[in-house]
């Protein structure tokens, strides 16, 4: 005789099936394109995001794994997306596809979907409440900038939407989504990590800004900010690169901050207008204080550009370091390997700046 199914068993099986379906739906929800949009290898244009048409370049991995780690490299102010992907001096980040990474190169809004545009319209003071032009990376020190105090902004949303769309065609690893960049791209990396630590698995801000301010969230002038960090090099500084106030807790990530040494400076014409010693110190101090974040502080001597000494060896080491600690891993389980010659790296904040 067939035993009648017990009501509690039916309920348990139903609940289990619902939970399994929920997890599957959640996984599918990670990967979605705008309605009617078909992503492809190479240049993708007219991607709708925040009311604009954006572009990005997809370089699929060679010898792809079942779950593919993602690398999103961001160019700075004066170099194009194509240069960032293919020119050695600018990082040649497309080479990481040969190491199994899905490489996605976003095109800056100021480039108007042209991956070949280098400086041009992308140089200059930001508009609509942003501090600098290439990326929506930090709010301006003005009343107009206040609207971005707790709004990640259109670029941060575009970067996530772009990755989610690519994931509809390739099997991306949700726990290994990494972003990085040089100069303005490094600043945008800081912003993405500060606003979206639930999405990114980690990042590589190279010579990025922090837009250092006071605890009361008022801005500091350039030389005031330099002096403030020099006087208190272990302090956590508020910054216009992230939410106001900065989050007290971020999700688990690995962050590798890079300082280019004594020559890591930027001149606006004949006037020094950026010094990446205090900005990398401020970023490293904050990330190092987060209990779920592993922060690695790296110093070199290449100045203000993509790391120039053993470039591809450094890129490979940095990406392998990020990928070795998938999102959700315990910080105490992280193991730092030696970087290639030309770089000094340590877990924690900087001890060589001041």
Protein backbone atom coordinates (compact mmCIF):
# COMPACT_ATOMS: atom_id res chain seq x y z
CA UNK A 1 0.00 0.00 0.00
CA UNK A 2 1.31 3.43 -0.89
CA UNK A 3 1.75 5.57 2.20
CA UNK A 4 -0.07 8.87 2.12
CA UNK A 5 2.36 11.78 1.96
CA UNK A 6 2.53 13.57 5.29
CA UNK A 7 1.47 17.25 5.21
CA UNK A 8 4.68 18.40 6.88
CA UNK A 9 6.74 16.60 4.23
CA UNK A 10 4.77 18.25 1.44
CA UNK A 11 5.37 21.64 3.04
CA UNK A 12 9.10 20.95 3.44
CA UNK A 13 9.50 19.82 -0.16
CA UNK A 14 7.55 22.84 -1.39
CA UNK A 15 9.66 25.23 0.68
CA UNK A 16 12.91 23.58 -0.47
CA UNK A 17 11.86 23.83 -4.10
CA UNK A 18 10.90 27.48 -3.63
CA UNK A 19 14.25 28.29 -2.00
CA UNK A 20 16.12 26.54 -4.81
CA UNK A 21 14.10 28.41 -7.41
CA UNK A 22 14.73 31.66 -5.52
CA UNK A 23 18.48 31.08 -5.57
CA UNK A 24 18.37 30.29 -9.28
CA UNK A 25 16.30 33.42 -9.94
CA UNK A 26 18.78 35.47 -7.91
CA UNK A 27 21.67 34.10 -9.96
CA UNK A 28 19.83 34.89 -13.19
CA UNK A 29 18.99 38.36 -11.92
CA UNK A 30 22.71 39.16 -11.65
CA UNK A 31 22.97 39.02 -15.44
CA UNK A 32 20.61 41.17 -17.44
CA UNK A 33 20.78 43.47 -20.47
CA UNK A 34 18.54 46.40 -21.29
CA UNK A 35 15.48 45.19 -23.25
CA UNK A 36 16.45 44.24 -26.78
CA UNK A 37 20.19 44.79 -26.29
CA UNK A 38 22.52 42.05 -27.60
CA UNK A 39 26.05 42.17 -26.23
CA UNK A 40 28.94 40.90 -28.38
CA UNK A 41 32.72 40.61 -28.46
CA UNK A 42 34.46 43.82 -29.56
CA UNK A 43 32.96 47.31 -29.49
CA UNK A 44 29.43 47.62 -28.13
CA UNK A 45 27.70 50.96 -28.72
CA UNK A 46 24.36 52.59 -27.91
CA UNK A 47 24.11 50.89 -24.53
CA UNK A 48 21.34 52.76 -22.69
CA UNK A 49 22.30 53.94 -19.22
CA UNK A 50 20.95 56.90 -17.21
CA UNK A 51 19.35 58.39 -20.30
CA UNK A 52 22.53 58.28 -22.40
CA UNK A 53 24.07 56.00 -25.00
CA UNK A 54 27.29 54.46 -23.72
CA UNK A 55 29.95 52.21 -25.24
CA UNK A 56 32.29 49.49 -24.00
CA UNK A 57 34.74 46.99 -25.48
CA UNK A 58 34.51 43.27 -24.69
CA UNK A 59 37.66 41.14 -24.92
CA UNK A 60 36.60 37.55 -24.15
CA UNK A 61 38.96 35.28 -22.25
CA UNK A 62 41.14 32.67 -23.88
CA UNK A 63 40.81 29.17 -22.41
CA UNK A 64 37.79 30.27 -20.43
CA UNK A 65 37.01 28.55 -17.17
CA UNK A 66 33.55 27.45 -16.09
CA UNK A 67 33.26 30.69 -14.12
CA UNK A 68 35.20 33.57 -15.65
CA UNK A 69 36.77 36.33 -13.48
CA UNK A 70 36.17 39.87 -14.74
CA UNK A 71 38.63 42.74 -15.16
CA UNK A 72 37.28 46.26 -15.84
CA UNK A 73 40.23 48.64 -16.51
CA UNK A 74 39.56 52.38 -16.54
CA UNK A 75 41.64 54.88 -18.45
CA UNK A 76 42.74 58.19 -16.99
CA UNK A 77 42.28 61.67 -18.41
CA UNK A 78 44.60 61.70 -21.42
CA UNK A 79 44.58 58.15 -22.79
CA UNK A 80 41.91 56.38 -24.78
CA UNK A 81 40.09 53.16 -24.03
CA UNK A 82 41.88 51.50 -26.95
CA UNK A 83 45.26 52.60 -25.60
CA UNK A 84 44.38 51.30 -22.14
CA UNK A 85 43.53 47.95 -23.70
CA UNK A 86 46.24 47.56 -26.32
CA UNK A 87 49.18 49.99 -25.84
CA UNK A 88 51.99 48.82 -23.55
CA UNK A 89 52.65 52.28 -22.10
CA UNK A 90 48.99 52.55 -21.09
CA UNK A 91 48.73 49.10 -19.53
CA UNK A 92 47.73 46.91 -22.50
CA UNK A 93 45.05 45.43 -20.28
CA UNK A 94 43.54 43.27 -23.01
CA UNK A 95 46.51 40.95 -22.38
CA UNK A 96 44.72 39.74 -19.26
CA UNK A 97 42.26 37.89 -21.51
CA UNK A 98 45.13 35.51 -22.27
CA UNK A 99 45.18 34.70 -18.56
CA UNK A 100 41.53 33.74 -18.46
CA UNK A 101 39.95 37.10 -17.52
CA UNK A 102 36.96 38.62 -19.24
CA UNK A 103 38.26 42.14 -19.98
CA UNK A 104 35.64 44.89 -20.37
CA UNK A 105 36.88 48.36 -21.31
CA UNK A 106 34.27 51.09 -20.72
CA UNK A 107 34.38 54.23 -22.85
CA UNK A 108 34.17 57.54 -20.97
CA UNK A 109 31.02 59.56 -21.54
CA UNK A 110 33.10 62.57 -22.65
CA UNK A 111 34.49 60.43 -25.52
CA UNK A 112 31.00 60.12 -27.03
CA UNK A 113 31.31 56.36 -27.66
CA UNK A 114 34.69 56.72 -29.40
CA UNK A 115 37.19 54.24 -27.87
CA UNK A 116 40.02 55.96 -29.79
CA UNK A 117 39.53 59.42 -28.22
CA UNK A 118 42.42 60.22 -25.90
CA UNK A 119 42.44 63.69 -24.39
CA UNK A 120 40.31 66.19 -26.28
CA UNK A 121 36.94 66.76 -24.68
CA UNK A 122 37.90 64.58 -21.71
CA UNK A 123 40.33 67.13 -20.23
CA UNK A 124 38.97 69.81 -17.95
CA UNK A 125 36.90 70.71 -14.94
CA UNK A 126 33.78 68.62 -14.44
CA UNK A 127 30.22 69.75 -15.01
CA UNK A 128 26.87 69.16 -13.31
CA UNK A 129 28.39 68.97 -9.84
CA UNK A 130 31.38 66.76 -10.65
CA UNK A 131 34.94 67.75 -9.82
CA UNK A 132 36.80 66.51 -12.91
CA UNK A 133 35.65 65.64 -16.40
CA UNK A 134 36.64 62.13 -17.62
CA UNK A 135 34.62 60.13 -15.07
CA UNK A 136 31.90 61.02 -12.56
CA UNK A 137 34.40 60.21 -9.84
CA UNK A 138 34.06 62.86 -7.12
CA UNK A 139 31.58 65.57 -6.28
CA UNK A 140 32.57 69.19 -6.68
CA UNK A 141 33.19 71.27 -3.56
CA UNK A 142 30.08 73.36 -4.22
CA UNK A 143 26.36 73.42 -3.61
CA UNK A 144 25.89 71.81 -7.03
CA UNK A 145 28.09 68.90 -6.00
CA UNK A 146 26.02 68.20 -2.88
CA UNK A 147 23.47 66.20 -4.88
CA UNK A 148 26.10 63.49 -5.41
CA UNK A 149 26.93 63.17 -1.71
CA UNK A 150 24.98 59.91 -1.44
CA UNK A 151 24.26 59.13 -5.06
CA UNK A 152 26.84 56.92 -6.79
CA UNK A 153 26.21 58.70 -10.07
CA UNK A 154 25.69 57.61 -13.68
CA UNK A 155 29.18 56.20 -14.29
CA UNK A 156 29.05 53.88 -11.29
CA UNK A 157 25.66 52.59 -12.44
CA UNK A 158 26.87 52.20 -16.02
CA UNK A 159 29.87 50.11 -14.96
CA UNK A 160 27.67 47.66 -13.06
CA UNK A 161 25.02 47.50 -15.80
CA UNK A 162 27.70 46.85 -18.42
CA UNK A 163 29.11 43.88 -16.48
CA UNK A 164 25.64 42.47 -15.83
CA UNK A 165 24.88 42.59 -19.56
CA UNK A 166 28.14 40.84 -20.50
CA UNK A 167 27.18 38.13 -18.01
CA UNK A 168 24.15 37.19 -20.13
CA UNK A 169 26.46 35.78 -22.81
CA UNK A 170 29.56 34.59 -20.91
CA UNK A 171 29.66 32.62 -17.61
CA UNK A 172 31.07 35.30 -15.33
CA UNK A 173 32.19 34.53 -11.78
CA UNK A 174 29.95 36.62 -9.50
CA UNK A 175 32.58 36.47 -6.72
CA UNK A 176 35.43 37.71 -8.91
CA UNK A 177 34.35 41.03 -10.43
CA UNK A 178 37.29 43.46 -10.31
CA UNK A 179 37.74 47.08 -11.34
CA UNK A 180 40.83 49.27 -11.56
CA UNK A 181 42.27 52.30 -13.23
CA UNK A 182 44.90 55.01 -13.42
CA UNK A 183 44.55 58.65 -12.26
CA UNK A 184 40.91 59.66 -12.91
CA UNK A 185 40.28 55.96 -13.49
CA UNK A 186 41.82 55.23 -10.10
CA UNK A 187 39.56 57.84 -8.54
CA UNK A 188 36.54 56.27 -10.25
CA UNK A 189 37.69 52.90 -8.90
CA UNK A 190 37.68 54.32 -5.37
CA UNK A 191 34.16 55.64 -5.91
CA UNK A 192 32.86 52.35 -7.31
CA UNK A 193 34.29 50.39 -4.38
CA UNK A 194 32.98 52.86 -1.78
CA UNK A 195 29.45 52.90 -3.17
CA UNK A 196 29.13 49.33 -4.47
CA UNK A 197 31.12 46.99 -2.24
CA UNK A 198 28.20 44.56 -2.46
CA UNK A 199 28.84 44.18 -6.21
CA UNK A 200 32.62 44.37 -6.75
CA UNK A 201 34.98 41.73 -5.43
CA UNK A 202 37.85 44.20 -5.26
CA UNK A 203 39.82 46.78 -7.13
CA UNK A 204 43.11 48.33 -8.18
CA UNK A 205 43.08 52.13 -7.72
CA UNK A 206 46.34 53.40 -9.22
CA UNK A 207 47.21 56.99 -8.29
CA UNK A 208 43.58 57.83 -7.59
CA UNK A 209 42.19 60.88 -5.82
CA UNK A 210 40.38 60.87 -2.46
CA UNK A 211 39.37 64.57 -2.58
CA UNK A 212 40.33 64.89 1.07
CA UNK A 213 38.06 66.94 3.32
CA UNK A 214 37.39 67.73 6.95
CA UNK A 215 35.33 65.64 9.35
CA UNK A 216 32.50 68.17 9.02
CA UNK A 217 32.51 67.39 5.25
CA UNK A 218 33.74 70.80 4.19
CA UNK A 219 36.41 70.80 1.51
CA UNK A 220 40.11 71.40 1.96
CA UNK A 221 42.13 73.33 -0.57
CA UNK A 222 44.91 71.45 -2.33
CA UNK A 223 47.79 72.51 -0.09
CA UNK A 224 45.59 72.32 3.02
CA UNK A 225 44.82 68.67 2.23
CA UNK A 226 48.49 67.87 1.69
CA UNK A 227 49.39 69.45 5.02
CA UNK A 228 46.54 67.73 6.86
CA UNK A 229 47.63 64.23 5.82
CA UNK A 230 51.30 64.97 6.45
CA UNK A 231 50.40 66.12 9.98
CA UNK A 232 48.23 63.05 10.71
CA UNK A 233 49.33 60.27 8.32
CA UNK A 234 47.37 57.49 10.08
CA UNK A 235 44.07 59.37 10.30
CA UNK A 236 40.96 58.37 8.36
CA UNK A 237 39.90 61.35 6.25
CA UNK A 238 36.48 62.03 4.81
CA UNK A 239 36.58 62.47 1.06
CA UNK A 240 34.38 63.70 -1.76
CA UNK A 241 35.15 60.54 -3.73
CA UNK A 242 32.65 58.51 -1.72
CA UNK A 243 29.40 58.77 0.23
CA UNK A 244 28.96 61.45 2.88
CA UNK A 245 29.85 60.34 5.47
CA UNK A 246 32.06 57.47 4.36
CA UNK A 247 30.45 54.09 5.14
CA UNK A 248 31.28 52.62 8.54
CA UNK A 249 31.23 49.11 7.03
CA UNK A 250 31.96 47.85 3.52
CA UNK A 251 31.42 44.38 2.11
CA UNK A 252 34.34 41.95 1.76
CA UNK A 253 36.86 42.89 -0.94
CA UNK A 254 40.54 43.00 -1.79
CA UNK A 255 41.84 46.49 -2.63
CA UNK A 256 45.34 47.11 -4.01
CA UNK A 257 46.30 50.79 -3.95
CA UNK A 258 49.30 51.87 -6.03
CA UNK A 259 51.47 54.97 -5.55
CA UNK A 260 53.90 55.89 -8.31
CA UNK A 261 56.54 57.39 -6.03
CA UNK A 262 57.99 60.88 -5.70
CA UNK A 263 57.07 61.80 -9.28
CA UNK A 264 53.40 60.81 -8.83
CA UNK A 265 52.12 64.36 -9.39
CA UNK A 266 49.90 66.18 -11.89
CA UNK A 267 50.34 69.71 -13.19
CA UNK A 268 47.44 71.82 -14.43
CA UNK A 269 49.44 73.88 -16.90
CA UNK A 270 52.31 75.33 -14.86
CA UNK A 271 50.63 74.82 -11.48
CA UNK A 272 50.83 71.65 -9.39
CA UNK A 273 47.22 70.60 -8.79
CA UNK A 274 47.40 66.94 -7.68
CA UNK A 275 49.73 65.05 -5.37
CA UNK A 276 48.97 61.34 -5.06
CA UNK A 277 51.03 60.78 -1.92
CA UNK A 278 48.33 62.12 0.45
CA UNK A 279 45.45 60.75 -1.64
CA UNK A 280 46.80 57.18 -1.72
CA UNK A 281 47.60 57.43 2.00
CA UNK A 282 44.04 58.54 2.78
CA UNK A 283 42.51 55.75 0.70
CA UNK A 284 44.80 53.13 2.19
CA UNK A 285 44.03 54.28 5.73
CA UNK A 286 40.30 53.94 5.18
CA UNK A 287 40.31 50.59 3.40
CA UNK A 288 42.80 49.12 5.88
CA UNK A 289 40.48 49.97 8.77
CA UNK A 290 37.61 47.95 7.29
CA UNK A 291 37.39 44.53 8.99
CA UNK A 292 36.15 42.67 5.89
CA UNK A 293 38.62 44.24 3.48
CA UNK A 294 42.15 43.13 2.69
CA UNK A 295 44.14 46.19 1.68
CA UNK A 296 47.51 45.98 -0.05
CA UNK A 297 49.62 49.15 -0.28
CA UNK A 298 52.07 49.16 -3.21
CA UNK A 299 54.75 51.72 -4.03
CA UNK A 300 56.90 52.07 -7.14
CA UNK A 301 58.90 54.73 -9.00
CA UNK A 302 57.11 55.15 -12.36
CA UNK A 303 55.40 58.47 -11.58
CA UNK A 304 51.88 59.34 -12.63
CA UNK A 305 51.01 56.71 -15.22
CA UNK A 306 50.10 53.05 -15.48
CA UNK A 307 52.88 51.05 -13.74
CA UNK A 308 55.81 51.01 -16.17
CA UNK A 309 58.26 48.57 -14.60
CA UNK A 310 57.50 44.97 -15.60
CA UNK A 311 54.04 46.14 -16.61
CA UNK A 312 52.50 42.85 -17.69
CA UNK A 313 54.12 40.98 -14.81
CA UNK A 314 52.62 43.54 -12.42
CA UNK A 315 49.17 43.36 -14.05
CA UNK A 316 49.24 39.56 -13.87
CA UNK A 317 50.37 39.61 -10.22
CA UNK A 318 47.73 42.18 -9.22
CA UNK A 319 44.89 40.32 -10.95
CA UNK A 320 46.05 36.96 -9.56
CA UNK A 321 46.16 38.54 -6.09
CA UNK A 322 42.60 39.84 -6.44
CA UNK A 323 41.33 36.54 -7.86
CA UNK A 324 43.01 34.52 -5.10
CA UNK A 325 40.52 35.93 -2.59
CA UNK A 326 36.99 35.63 -4.03
CA UNK A 327 34.26 37.76 -2.51
CA UNK A 328 33.14 36.43 0.85
CA UNK A 329 36.52 34.94 1.78
CA UNK A 330 37.73 35.68 5.29
CA UNK A 331 40.29 38.47 5.51
CA UNK A 332 42.49 36.41 7.84
CA UNK A 333 42.84 33.72 5.16
CA UNK A 334 44.48 36.08 2.65
CA UNK A 335 48.09 35.36 1.72
CA UNK A 336 50.17 38.02 -0.05
CA UNK A 337 52.71 36.79 -2.60
CA UNK A 338 55.76 38.77 -3.67
CA UNK A 339 55.16 41.34 -6.41
CA UNK A 340 57.48 41.48 -9.42
CA UNK A 341 60.74 43.46 -9.17
CA UNK A 342 60.18 47.20 -9.02
CA UNK A 343 57.31 47.14 -6.51
CA UNK A 344 57.12 47.14 -2.73
CA UNK A 345 53.79 45.89 -1.38
CA UNK A 346 52.48 45.20 2.10
CA UNK A 347 49.15 44.31 3.72
CA UNK A 348 47.77 47.34 5.53
CA UNK A 349 48.34 51.02 4.93
CA UNK A 350 51.46 52.84 3.76
CA UNK A 351 54.41 53.30 6.05
CA UNK A 352 56.75 54.87 3.44
CA UNK A 353 54.83 58.07 2.63
CA UNK A 354 55.65 60.26 5.64
